PDB file of all heavy atoms in Angstrom:
ATOM      1  N   ASP A   1      -2.975  28.108 -99.424  1.00  0.00           N
ATOM      2  CA  ASP A   1      -4.415  27.881 -99.249  1.00  0.00           C
ATOM      3  C   ASP A   1      -4.967  27.378-100.587  1.00  0.00           C
ATOM      4  O   ASP A   1      -5.433  28.157-101.428  1.00  0.00           O
ATOM      5  CB  ASP A   1      -5.089  29.182 -98.833  1.00  0.00           C
ATOM      6  CG  ASP A   1      -6.550  28.981 -98.447  1.00  0.00           C
ATOM      7  OD1 ASP A   1      -7.115  27.917 -98.776  1.00  0.00           O
ATOM      8  OD2 ASP A   1      -7.130  29.879 -97.815  1.00  0.00           O
ATOM      9  N   ILE A   2      -4.925  26.065-100.769  1.00  0.00           N
ATOM     10  CA  ILE A   2      -5.302  25.473-102.052  1.00  0.00           C
ATOM     11  C   ILE A   2      -6.780  25.713-102.354  1.00  0.00           C
ATOM     12  O   ILE A   2      -7.168  25.970-103.499  1.00  0.00           O
ATOM     13  CB  ILE A   2      -4.979  23.967-102.053  1.00  0.00           C
ATOM     14  CG1 ILE A   2      -3.462  23.762-101.915  1.00  0.00           C
ATOM     15  CG2 ILE A   2      -5.481  23.309-103.333  1.00  0.00           C
ATOM     16  CD1 ILE A   2      -3.048  22.304-101.858  1.00  0.00           C
ATOM     17  N   GLY A   3      -7.642  25.622-101.325  1.00  0.00           N
ATOM     18  CA  GLY A   3      -9.071  25.817-101.533  1.00  0.00           C
ATOM     19  C   GLY A   3      -9.386  27.199-102.083  1.00  0.00           C
ATOM     20  O   GLY A   3     -10.151  27.348-103.043  1.00  0.00           O
ATOM     21  N   ARG A   4      -8.792  28.198-101.481  1.00  0.00           N
ATOM     22  CA  ARG A   4      -9.026  29.564-101.947  1.00  0.00           C
ATOM     23  C   ARG A   4      -8.423  29.775-103.332  1.00  0.00           C
ATOM     24  O   ARG A   4      -9.001  30.482-104.168  1.00  0.00           O
ATOM     25  CB  ARG A   4      -8.432  30.551-100.956  1.00  0.00           C
ATOM     26  CG  ARG A   4      -8.724  32.004-101.289  1.00  0.00           C
ATOM     27  CD  ARG A   4      -8.114  32.931-100.252  1.00  0.00           C
ATOM     28  NE  ARG A   4      -8.248  34.320-100.648  1.00  0.00           N
ATOM     29  CZ  ARG A   4      -7.702  35.323 -99.979  1.00  0.00           C
ATOM     30  NH1 ARG A   4      -6.992  35.079 -98.882  1.00  0.00           N
ATOM     31  NH2 ARG A   4      -7.868  36.562-100.397  1.00  0.00           N
ATOM     32  N   ALA A   5      -7.273  29.175-103.568  1.00  0.00           N
ATOM     33  CA  ALA A   5      -6.642  29.301-104.878  1.00  0.00           C
ATOM     34  C   ALA A   5      -7.529  28.686-105.959  1.00  0.00           C
ATOM     35  O   ALA A   5      -7.707  29.252-107.044  1.00  0.00           O
ATOM     36  CB  ALA A   5      -5.272  28.634-104.878  1.00  0.00           C
ATOM     37  N   ARG A   6      -8.136  27.528-105.653  1.00  0.00           N
ATOM     38  CA  ARG A   6      -9.032  26.889-106.625  1.00  0.00           C
ATOM     39  C   ARG A   6     -10.274  27.735-106.877  1.00  0.00           C
ATOM     40  O   ARG A   6     -10.735  27.862-108.014  1.00  0.00           O
ATOM     41  CB  ARG A   6      -9.421  25.507-106.115  1.00  0.00           C
ATOM     42  CG  ARG A   6      -8.301  24.473-106.216  1.00  0.00           C
ATOM     43  CD  ARG A   6      -8.733  23.158-105.600  1.00  0.00           C
ATOM     44  NE  ARG A   6      -7.673  22.152-105.724  1.00  0.00           N
ATOM     45  CZ  ARG A   6      -7.730  20.951-105.137  1.00  0.00           C
ATOM     46  NH1 ARG A   6      -8.788  20.622-104.385  1.00  0.00           N
ATOM     47  NH2 ARG A   6      -6.733  20.104-105.309  1.00  0.00           N
ATOM     48  N   ASP A   7     -10.820  28.298-105.817  1.00  0.00           N
ATOM     49  CA  ASP A   7     -12.005  29.148-105.982  1.00  0.00           C
ATOM     50  C   ASP A   7     -11.696  30.357-106.862  1.00  0.00           C
ATOM     51  O   ASP A   7     -12.533  30.768-107.681  1.00  0.00           O
ATOM     52  CB  ASP A   7     -12.510  29.617-104.615  1.00  0.00           C
ATOM     53  CG  ASP A   7     -13.087  28.478-103.791  1.00  0.00           C
ATOM     54  OD1 ASP A   7     -13.441  27.441-104.386  1.00  0.00           O
ATOM     55  OD2 ASP A   7     -13.178  28.633-102.549  1.00  0.00           O
ATOM     56  N   THR A   8     -10.522  30.914-106.680  1.00  0.00           N
ATOM     57  CA  THR A   8     -10.150  32.098-107.465  1.00  0.00           C
ATOM     58  C   THR A   8      -9.942  31.760-108.929  1.00  0.00           C
ATOM     59  O   THR A   8     -10.441  32.462-109.815  1.00  0.00           O
ATOM     60  CB  THR A   8      -8.864  32.735-106.896  1.00  0.00           C
ATOM     61  OG1 THR A   8      -9.057  33.039-105.513  1.00  0.00           O
ATOM     62  CG2 THR A   8      -8.530  34.007-107.650  1.00  0.00           C
ATOM     63  N   VAL A   9      -9.222  30.689-109.190  1.00  0.00           N
ATOM     64  CA  VAL A   9      -8.942  30.340-110.576  1.00  0.00           C
ATOM     65  C   VAL A   9     -10.185  29.801-111.281  1.00  0.00           C
ATOM     66  O   VAL A   9     -10.286  29.837-112.519  1.00  0.00           O
ATOM     67  CB  VAL A   9      -7.788  29.315-110.645  1.00  0.00           C
ATOM     68  CG1 VAL A   9      -8.285  27.902-110.356  1.00  0.00           C
ATOM     69  CG2 VAL A   9      -7.099  29.355-112.019  1.00  0.00           C
ATOM     70  N   GLU A  10     -11.163  29.337-110.501  1.00  0.00           N
ATOM     71  CA  GLU A  10     -12.389  28.798-111.085  1.00  0.00           C
ATOM     72  C   GLU A  10     -13.195  29.882-111.806  1.00  0.00           C
ATOM     73  O   GLU A  10     -14.032  29.578-112.657  1.00  0.00           O
ATOM     74  CB  GLU A  10     -13.253  28.159-109.985  1.00  0.00           C
ATOM     75  CG  GLU A  10     -14.389  27.300-110.496  1.00  0.00           C
ATOM     76  CD  GLU A  10     -13.911  26.050-111.227  1.00  0.00           C
ATOM     77  OE1 GLU A  10     -12.770  25.603-110.960  1.00  0.00           O
ATOM     78  OE2 GLU A  10     -14.678  25.531-112.065  1.00  0.00           O
ATOM     79  N   VAL A  11     -12.916  31.132-111.480  1.00  0.00           N
ATOM     80  CA  VAL A  11     -13.600  32.235-112.164  1.00  0.00           C
ATOM     81  C   VAL A  11     -13.370  32.173-113.669  1.00  0.00           C
ATOM     82  O   VAL A  11     -14.241  32.556-114.471  1.00  0.00           O
ATOM     83  CB  VAL A  11     -13.114  33.589-111.603  1.00  0.00           C
ATOM     84  CG1 VAL A  11     -13.694  34.763-112.387  1.00  0.00           C
ATOM     85  CG2 VAL A  11     -13.478  33.709-110.126  1.00  0.00           C
ATOM     86  N   PHE A  12     -12.222  31.652-114.077  1.00  0.00           N
ATOM     87  CA  PHE A  12     -11.894  31.606-115.499  1.00  0.00           C
ATOM     88  C   PHE A  12     -12.638  30.496-116.221  1.00  0.00           C
ATOM     89  O   PHE A  12     -12.496  30.359-117.437  1.00  0.00           O
ATOM     90  CB  PHE A  12     -10.381  31.430-115.676  1.00  0.00           C
ATOM     91  CG  PHE A  12      -9.601  32.666-115.348  1.00  0.00           C
ATOM     92  CD1 PHE A  12      -9.177  32.924-114.048  1.00  0.00           C
ATOM     93  CD2 PHE A  12      -9.303  33.591-116.332  1.00  0.00           C
ATOM     94  CE1 PHE A  12      -8.471  34.063-113.743  1.00  0.00           C
ATOM     95  CE2 PHE A  12      -8.586  34.737-116.035  1.00  0.00           C
ATOM     96  CZ  PHE A  12      -8.178  34.984-114.737  1.00  0.00           C
ATOM     97  N   ARG A  13     -13.447  29.750-115.496  1.00  0.00           N
ATOM     98  CA  ARG A  13     -14.252  28.714-116.130  1.00  0.00           C
ATOM     99  C   ARG A  13     -15.236  29.345-117.120  1.00  0.00           C
ATOM    100  O   ARG A  13     -15.584  28.734-118.139  1.00  0.00           O
ATOM    101  CB  ARG A  13     -15.023  27.926-115.069  1.00  0.00           C
ATOM    102  CG  ARG A  13     -15.852  26.778-115.610  1.00  0.00           C
ATOM    103  CD  ARG A  13     -15.017  25.614-116.007  1.00  0.00           C
ATOM    104  NE  ARG A  13     -14.327  25.029-114.855  1.00  0.00           N
ATOM    105  CZ  ARG A  13     -13.438  24.037-114.963  1.00  0.00           C
ATOM    106  NH1 ARG A  13     -13.106  23.569-116.161  1.00  0.00           N
ATOM    107  NH2 ARG A  13     -12.854  23.559-113.884  1.00  0.00           N
ATOM    108  N   ASN A  14     -15.678  30.558-116.820  1.00  0.00           N
ATOM    109  CA  ASN A  14     -16.645  31.237-117.675  1.00  0.00           C
ATOM    110  C   ASN A  14     -15.990  32.086-118.762  1.00  0.00           C
ATOM    111  O   ASN A  14     -16.692  32.767-119.508  1.00  0.00           O
ATOM    112  CB  ASN A  14     -17.556  32.136-116.822  1.00  0.00           C
ATOM    113  CG  ASN A  14     -18.338  31.346-115.792  1.00  0.00           C
ATOM    114  OD1 ASN A  14     -18.775  30.230-116.051  1.00  0.00           O
ATOM    115  ND2 ASN A  14     -18.508  31.932-114.599  1.00  0.00           N
ATOM    116  N   HIS A  15     -14.653  32.068-118.814  1.00  0.00           N
ATOM    117  CA  HIS A  15     -13.926  32.835-119.834  1.00  0.00           C
ATOM    118  C   HIS A  15     -13.422  31.857-120.892  1.00  0.00           C
ATOM    119  O   HIS A  15     -12.346  31.272-120.750  1.00  0.00           O
ATOM    120  CB  HIS A  15     -12.756  33.599-119.208  1.00  0.00           C
ATOM    121  CG  HIS A  15     -13.189  34.672-118.249  1.00  0.00           C
ATOM    122  ND1 HIS A  15     -13.346  35.981-118.625  1.00  0.00           N
ATOM    123  CD2 HIS A  15     -13.512  34.620-116.937  1.00  0.00           C
ATOM    124  CE1 HIS A  15     -13.743  36.707-117.584  1.00  0.00           C
ATOM    125  NE2 HIS A  15     -13.845  35.895-116.548  1.00  0.00           N
ATOM    126  N   SER A  16     -14.223  31.688-121.942  1.00  0.00           N
ATOM    127  CA  SER A  16     -13.874  30.692-122.964  1.00  0.00           C
ATOM    128  C   SER A  16     -12.626  31.056-123.747  1.00  0.00           C
ATOM    129  O   SER A  16     -12.058  30.209-124.443  1.00  0.00           O
ATOM    130  CB  SER A  16     -15.048  30.519-123.935  1.00  0.00           C
ATOM    131  OG  SER A  16     -15.374  31.746-124.562  1.00  0.00           O
ATOM    132  N   GLN A  17     -12.187  32.317-123.657  1.00  0.00           N
ATOM    133  CA  GLN A  17     -10.992  32.706-124.411  1.00  0.00           C
ATOM    134  C   GLN A  17      -9.714  32.140-123.805  1.00  0.00           C
ATOM    135  O   GLN A  17      -8.660  32.204-124.418  1.00  0.00           O
ATOM    136  CB  GLN A  17     -10.883  34.226-124.519  1.00  0.00           C
ATOM    137  CG  GLN A  17     -10.585  34.969-123.231  1.00  0.00           C
ATOM    138  CD  GLN A  17     -11.850  35.438-122.538  1.00  0.00           C
ATOM    139  OE1 GLN A  17     -12.879  34.768-122.598  1.00  0.00           O
ATOM    140  NE2 GLN A  17     -11.780  36.597-121.914  1.00  0.00           N
ATOM    141  N   PHE A  18      -9.831  31.588-122.574  1.00  0.00           N
ATOM    142  CA  PHE A  18      -8.662  30.996-121.928  1.00  0.00           C
ATOM    143  C   PHE A  18      -8.783  29.474-121.927  1.00  0.00           C
ATOM    144  O   PHE A  18      -9.786  28.923-121.494  1.00  0.00           O
ATOM    145  CB  PHE A  18      -8.522  31.499-120.498  1.00  0.00           C
ATOM    146  CG  PHE A  18      -8.244  32.976-120.395  1.00  0.00           C
ATOM    147  CD1 PHE A  18      -9.232  33.853-119.987  1.00  0.00           C
ATOM    148  CD2 PHE A  18      -7.002  33.481-120.732  1.00  0.00           C
ATOM    149  CE1 PHE A  18      -8.988  35.200-119.903  1.00  0.00           C
ATOM    150  CE2 PHE A  18      -6.749  34.840-120.648  1.00  0.00           C
ATOM    151  CZ  PHE A  18      -7.745  35.704-120.243  1.00  0.00           C
ATOM    152  N   GLU A  19      -7.736  28.823-122.410  1.00  0.00           N
ATOM    153  CA  GLU A  19      -7.697  27.364-122.390  1.00  0.00           C
ATOM    154  C   GLU A  19      -7.107  26.842-121.081  1.00  0.00           C
ATOM    155  O   GLU A  19      -7.549  25.807-120.577  1.00  0.00           O
ATOM    156  CB  GLU A  19      -6.857  26.837-123.559  1.00  0.00           C
ATOM    157  CG  GLU A  19      -7.567  26.874-124.889  1.00  0.00           C
ATOM    158  CD  GLU A  19      -6.749  26.251-125.996  1.00  0.00           C
ATOM    159  OE1 GLU A  19      -5.514  26.151-125.852  1.00  0.00           O
ATOM    160  OE2 GLU A  19      -7.334  25.861-127.016  1.00  0.00           O
ATOM    161  N   LEU A  20      -6.125  27.552-120.568  1.00  0.00           N
ATOM    162  CA  LEU A  20      -5.464  27.137-119.337  1.00  0.00           C
ATOM    163  C   LEU A  20      -5.358  28.325-118.384  1.00  0.00           C
ATOM    164  O   LEU A  20      -5.068  29.444-118.812  1.00  0.00           O
ATOM    165  CB  LEU A  20      -4.052  26.597-119.628  1.00  0.00           C
ATOM    166  CG  LEU A  20      -3.939  25.275-120.383  1.00  0.00           C
ATOM    167  CD1 LEU A  20      -2.481  24.991-120.727  1.00  0.00           C
ATOM    168  CD2 LEU A  20      -4.520  24.135-119.567  1.00  0.00           C
ATOM    169  N   ALA A  21      -5.608  28.066-117.114  1.00  0.00           N
ATOM    170  CA  ALA A  21      -5.415  29.070-116.069  1.00  0.00           C
ATOM    171  C   ALA A  21      -4.932  28.333-114.832  1.00  0.00           C
ATOM    172  O   ALA A  21      -5.595  27.397-114.360  1.00  0.00           O
ATOM    173  CB  ALA A  21      -6.710  29.826-115.783  1.00  0.00           C
ATOM    174  N   GLY A  22      -3.784  28.717-114.322  1.00  0.00           N
ATOM    175  CA  GLY A  22      -3.214  27.978-113.201  1.00  0.00           C
ATOM    176  C   GLY A  22      -2.418  28.850-112.254  1.00  0.00           C
ATOM    177  O   GLY A  22      -1.998  29.961-112.604  1.00  0.00           O
ATOM    178  N   ILE A  23      -2.224  28.322-111.047  1.00  0.00           N
ATOM    179  CA  ILE A  23      -1.448  29.000-110.006  1.00  0.00           C
ATOM    180  C   ILE A  23      -0.352  28.052-109.548  1.00  0.00           C
ATOM    181  O   ILE A  23      -0.636  26.897-109.180  1.00  0.00           O
ATOM    182  CB  ILE A  23      -2.340  29.387-108.820  1.00  0.00           C
ATOM    183  CG1 ILE A  23      -3.518  30.246-109.292  1.00  0.00           C
ATOM    184  CG2 ILE A  23      -1.538  30.132-107.760  1.00  0.00           C
ATOM    185  CD1 ILE A  23      -4.580  30.438-108.229  1.00  0.00           C
ATOM    186  N   PHE A  24       0.876  28.526-109.562  1.00  0.00           N
ATOM    187  CA  PHE A  24       2.026  27.726-109.151  1.00  0.00           C
ATOM    188  C   PHE A  24       2.654  28.354-107.914  1.00  0.00           C
ATOM    189  O   PHE A  24       2.688  29.581-107.776  1.00  0.00           O
ATOM    190  CB  PHE A  24       3.069  27.651-110.269  1.00  0.00           C
ATOM    191  CG  PHE A  24       2.598  26.935-111.501  1.00  0.00           C
ATOM    192  CD1 PHE A  24       1.830  27.595-112.460  1.00  0.00           C
ATOM    193  CD2 PHE A  24       2.910  25.600-111.701  1.00  0.00           C
ATOM    194  CE1 PHE A  24       1.396  26.939-113.605  1.00  0.00           C
ATOM    195  CE2 PHE A  24       2.487  24.933-112.843  1.00  0.00           C
ATOM    196  CZ  PHE A  24       1.716  25.605-113.795  1.00  0.00           C
ATOM    197  N   ASN A  25       3.172  27.494-107.034  1.00  0.00           N
ATOM    198  CA  ASN A  25       3.871  28.023-105.856  1.00  0.00           C
ATOM    199  C   ASN A  25       5.316  28.350-106.220  1.00  0.00           C
ATOM    200  O   ASN A  25       5.736  28.211-107.377  1.00  0.00           O
ATOM    201  CB  ASN A  25       3.799  27.034-104.692  1.00  0.00           C
ATOM    202  CG  ASN A  25       4.447  25.687-105.037  1.00  0.00           C
ATOM    203  OD1 ASN A  25       5.247  25.590-105.967  1.00  0.00           O
ATOM    204  ND2 ASN A  25       4.092  24.653-104.291  1.00  0.00           N
ATOM    205  N   ALA A  26       6.077  28.766-105.246  1.00  0.00           N
ATOM    206  CA  ALA A  26       7.458  29.187-105.490  1.00  0.00           C
ATOM    207  C   ALA A  26       8.334  28.046-105.982  1.00  0.00           C
ATOM    208  O   ALA A  26       9.352  28.273-106.641  1.00  0.00           O
ATOM    209  CB  ALA A  26       8.046  29.794-104.221  1.00  0.00           C
ATOM    210  N   GLU A  27       7.957  26.801-105.644  1.00  0.00           N
ATOM    211  CA  GLU A  27       8.734  25.636-106.085  1.00  0.00           C
ATOM    212  C   GLU A  27       8.314  25.167-107.477  1.00  0.00           C
ATOM    213  O   GLU A  27       8.840  24.171-107.978  1.00  0.00           O
ATOM    214  CB  GLU A  27       8.567  24.479-105.093  1.00  0.00           C
ATOM    215  CG  GLU A  27       9.262  24.695-103.757  1.00  0.00           C
ATOM    216  CD  GLU A  27       8.539  25.713-102.897  1.00  0.00           C
ATOM    217  OE1 GLU A  27       7.282  25.780-102.976  1.00  0.00           O
ATOM    218  OE2 GLU A  27       9.214  26.449-102.140  1.00  0.00           O
ATOM    219  N   GLY A  28       7.348  25.850-108.096  1.00  0.00           N
ATOM    220  CA  GLY A  28       6.896  25.463-109.430  1.00  0.00           C
ATOM    221  C   GLY A  28       5.833  24.397-109.432  1.00  0.00           C
ATOM    222  O   GLY A  28       5.510  23.843-110.496  1.00  0.00           O
ATOM    223  N   GLU A  29       5.268  24.071-108.260  1.00  0.00           N
ATOM    224  CA  GLU A  29       4.211  23.064-108.180  1.00  0.00           C
ATOM    225  C   GLU A  29       2.853  23.715-108.425  1.00  0.00           C
ATOM    226  O   GLU A  29       2.578  24.833-107.968  1.00  0.00           O
ATOM    227  CB  GLU A  29       4.222  22.397-106.805  1.00  0.00           C
ATOM    228  CG  GLU A  29       5.529  21.680-106.485  1.00  0.00           C
ATOM    229  CD  GLU A  29       5.574  21.208-105.026  1.00  0.00           C
ATOM    230  OE1 GLU A  29       4.745  21.717-104.223  1.00  0.00           O
ATOM    231  OE2 GLU A  29       6.431  20.376-104.706  1.00  0.00           O
ATOM    232  N   LEU A  30       1.996  23.001-109.150  1.00  0.00           N
ATOM    233  CA  LEU A  30       0.671  23.517-109.470  1.00  0.00           C
ATOM    234  C   LEU A  30      -0.231  23.436-108.244  1.00  0.00           C
ATOM    235  O   LEU A  30      -0.531  22.350-107.747  1.00  0.00           O
ATOM    236  CB  LEU A  30       0.058  22.725-110.631  1.00  0.00           C
ATOM    237  CG  LEU A  30      -1.315  23.178-111.119  1.00  0.00           C
ATOM    238  CD1 LEU A  30      -1.233  24.581-111.720  1.00  0.00           C
ATOM    239  CD2 LEU A  30      -1.864  22.187-112.158  1.00  0.00           C
ATOM    240  N   LEU A  31      -0.676  24.596-107.750  1.00  0.00           N
ATOM    241  CA  LEU A  31      -1.601  24.628-106.615  1.00  0.00           C
ATOM    242  C   LEU A  31      -3.035  24.454-107.067  1.00  0.00           C
ATOM    243  O   LEU A  31      -3.820  23.731-106.445  1.00  0.00           O
ATOM    244  CB  LEU A  31      -1.462  25.959-105.856  1.00  0.00           C
ATOM    245  CG  LEU A  31      -0.171  26.205-105.091  1.00  0.00           C
ATOM    246  CD1 LEU A  31      -0.230  27.572-104.414  1.00  0.00           C
ATOM    247  CD2 LEU A  31       0.047  25.108-104.052  1.00  0.00           C
ATOM    248  N   ALA A  32      -3.413  25.142-108.133  1.00  0.00           N
ATOM    249  CA  ALA A  32      -4.777  25.083-108.643  1.00  0.00           C
ATOM    250  C   ALA A  32      -4.752  25.429-110.118  1.00  0.00           C
ATOM    251  O   ALA A  32      -3.972  26.277-110.549  1.00  0.00           O
ATOM    252  CB  ALA A  32      -5.684  26.051-107.882  1.00  0.00           C
ATOM    253  N   GLY A  33      -5.594  24.789-110.862  1.00  0.00           N
ATOM    254  CA  GLY A  33      -5.649  25.061-112.292  1.00  0.00           C
ATOM    255  C   GLY A  33      -6.917  24.527-112.912  1.00  0.00           C
ATOM    256  O   GLY A  33      -7.583  23.651-112.344  1.00  0.00           O
ATOM    257  N   LEU A  34      -7.245  25.053-114.059  1.00  0.00           N
ATOM    258  CA  LEU A  34      -8.410  24.558-114.800  1.00  0.00           C
ATOM    259  C   LEU A  34      -8.086  24.547-116.273  1.00  0.00           C
ATOM    260  O   LEU A  34      -7.235  25.289-116.758  1.00  0.00           O
ATOM    261  CB  LEU A  34      -9.657  25.403-114.520  1.00  0.00           C
ATOM    262  CG  LEU A  34      -9.703  26.855-114.975  1.00  0.00           C
ATOM    263  CD1 LEU A  34     -10.137  26.978-116.435  1.00  0.00           C
ATOM    264  CD2 LEU A  34     -10.686  27.633-114.124  1.00  0.00           C
ATOM    265  N   THR A  35      -8.796  23.673-116.979  1.00  0.00           N
ATOM    266  CA  THR A  35      -8.628  23.519-118.411  1.00  0.00           C
ATOM    267  C   THR A  35      -9.974  23.693-119.072  1.00  0.00           C
ATOM    268  O   THR A  35     -10.925  22.960-118.767  1.00  0.00           O
ATOM    269  CB  THR A  35      -8.056  22.128-118.756  1.00  0.00           C
ATOM    270  OG1 THR A  35      -6.819  21.943-118.067  1.00  0.00           O
ATOM    271  CG2 THR A  35      -7.829  21.991-120.251  1.00  0.00           C
ATOM    272  N   ASN A  36     -10.068  24.657-119.965  1.00  0.00           N
ATOM    273  CA  ASN A  36     -11.321  24.888-120.674  1.00  0.00           C
ATOM    274  C   ASN A  36     -11.388  24.154-122.001  1.00  0.00           C
ATOM    275  O   ASN A  36     -12.436  24.122-122.637  1.00  0.00           O
ATOM    276  CB  ASN A  36     -11.521  26.393-120.935  1.00  0.00           C
ATOM    277  CG  ASN A  36     -12.054  27.117-119.707  1.00  0.00           C
ATOM    278  OD1 ASN A  36     -12.731  26.514-118.873  1.00  0.00           O
ATOM    279  ND2 ASN A  36     -11.748  28.397-119.590  1.00  0.00           N
ATOM    280  N   GLY A  37     -10.274  23.567-122.426  1.00  0.00           N
ATOM    281  CA  GLY A  37     -10.264  22.829-123.680  1.00  0.00           C
ATOM    282  C   GLY A  37     -10.872  21.454-123.516  1.00  0.00           C
ATOM    283  O   GLY A  37     -11.115  20.957-122.418  1.00  0.00           O
ATOM    284  N   SER A  38     -11.141  20.817-124.647  1.00  0.00           N
ATOM    285  CA  SER A  38     -11.694  19.472-124.618  1.00  0.00           C
ATOM    286  C   SER A  38     -10.621  18.482-124.183  1.00  0.00           C
ATOM    287  O   SER A  38      -9.422  18.747-124.315  1.00  0.00           O
ATOM    288  CB  SER A  38     -12.213  19.092-126.010  1.00  0.00           C
ATOM    289  OG  SER A  38     -11.149  19.048-126.945  1.00  0.00           O
ATOM    290  N   PRO A  39     -11.017  17.313-123.659  1.00  0.00           N
ATOM    291  CA  PRO A  39     -10.023  16.321-123.229  1.00  0.00           C
ATOM    292  C   PRO A  39      -9.093  15.867-124.354  1.00  0.00           C
ATOM    293  O   PRO A  39      -7.984  15.432-124.103  1.00  0.00           O
ATOM    294  CB  PRO A  39     -10.894  15.163-122.724  1.00  0.00           C
ATOM    295  CG  PRO A  39     -12.200  15.802-122.356  1.00  0.00           C
ATOM    296  CD  PRO A  39     -12.390  16.911-123.347  1.00  0.00           C
ATOM    297  N   LYS A  40      -9.573  15.985-125.589  1.00  0.00           N
ATOM    298  CA  LYS A  40      -8.769  15.528-126.723  1.00  0.00           C
ATOM    299  C   LYS A  40      -7.856  16.631-127.267  1.00  0.00           C
ATOM    300  O   LYS A  40      -7.156  16.419-128.256  1.00  0.00           O
ATOM    301  CB  LYS A  40      -9.695  15.050-127.846  1.00  0.00           C
ATOM    302  CG  LYS A  40     -10.536  13.831-127.468  1.00  0.00           C
ATOM    303  CD  LYS A  40     -11.406  13.400-128.635  1.00  0.00           C
ATOM    304  CE  LYS A  40     -12.250  12.177-128.277  1.00  0.00           C
ATOM    305  NZ  LYS A  40     -13.106  11.739-129.412  1.00  0.00           N
ATOM    306  N   SER A  41      -7.905  17.797-126.666  1.00  0.00           N
ATOM    307  CA  SER A  41      -7.106  18.913-127.183  1.00  0.00           C
ATOM    308  C   SER A  41      -5.625  18.766-126.876  1.00  0.00           C
ATOM    309  O   SER A  41      -4.791  19.441-127.475  1.00  0.00           O
ATOM    310  CB  SER A  41      -7.625  20.240-126.619  1.00  0.00           C
ATOM    311  OG  SER A  41      -7.552  20.228-125.202  1.00  0.00           O
ATOM    312  N   GLY A  42      -5.279  17.884-125.924  1.00  0.00           N
ATOM    313  CA  GLY A  42      -3.868  17.646-125.611  1.00  0.00           C
ATOM    314  C   GLY A  42      -3.180  18.805-124.926  1.00  0.00           C
ATOM    315  O   GLY A  42      -1.975  18.993-125.088  1.00  0.00           O
ATOM    316  N   LEU A  43      -3.918  19.586-124.145  1.00  0.00           N
ATOM    317  CA  LEU A  43      -3.321  20.724-123.454  1.00  0.00           C
ATOM    318  C   LEU A  43      -2.411  20.243-122.334  1.00  0.00           C
ATOM    319  O   LEU A  43      -2.741  19.306-121.610  1.00  0.00           O
ATOM    320  CB  LEU A  43      -4.425  21.635-122.887  1.00  0.00           C
ATOM    321  CG  LEU A  43      -5.319  22.323-123.919  1.00  0.00           C
ATOM    322  CD1 LEU A  43      -6.438  23.072-123.218  1.00  0.00           C
ATOM    323  CD2 LEU A  43      -4.508  23.265-124.793  1.00  0.00           C
TER     324      LEU A  43
END
């Protein structure tokens, strides 16, 4: 359920102490993720 996974991980948008927060499936594919760093940070 990608939509629900995105909604859940979006909570970390307000946690500036985290640069990356993501959810991977059993095959190692990224289901949902967010980046709090700047585009130039190279995360």
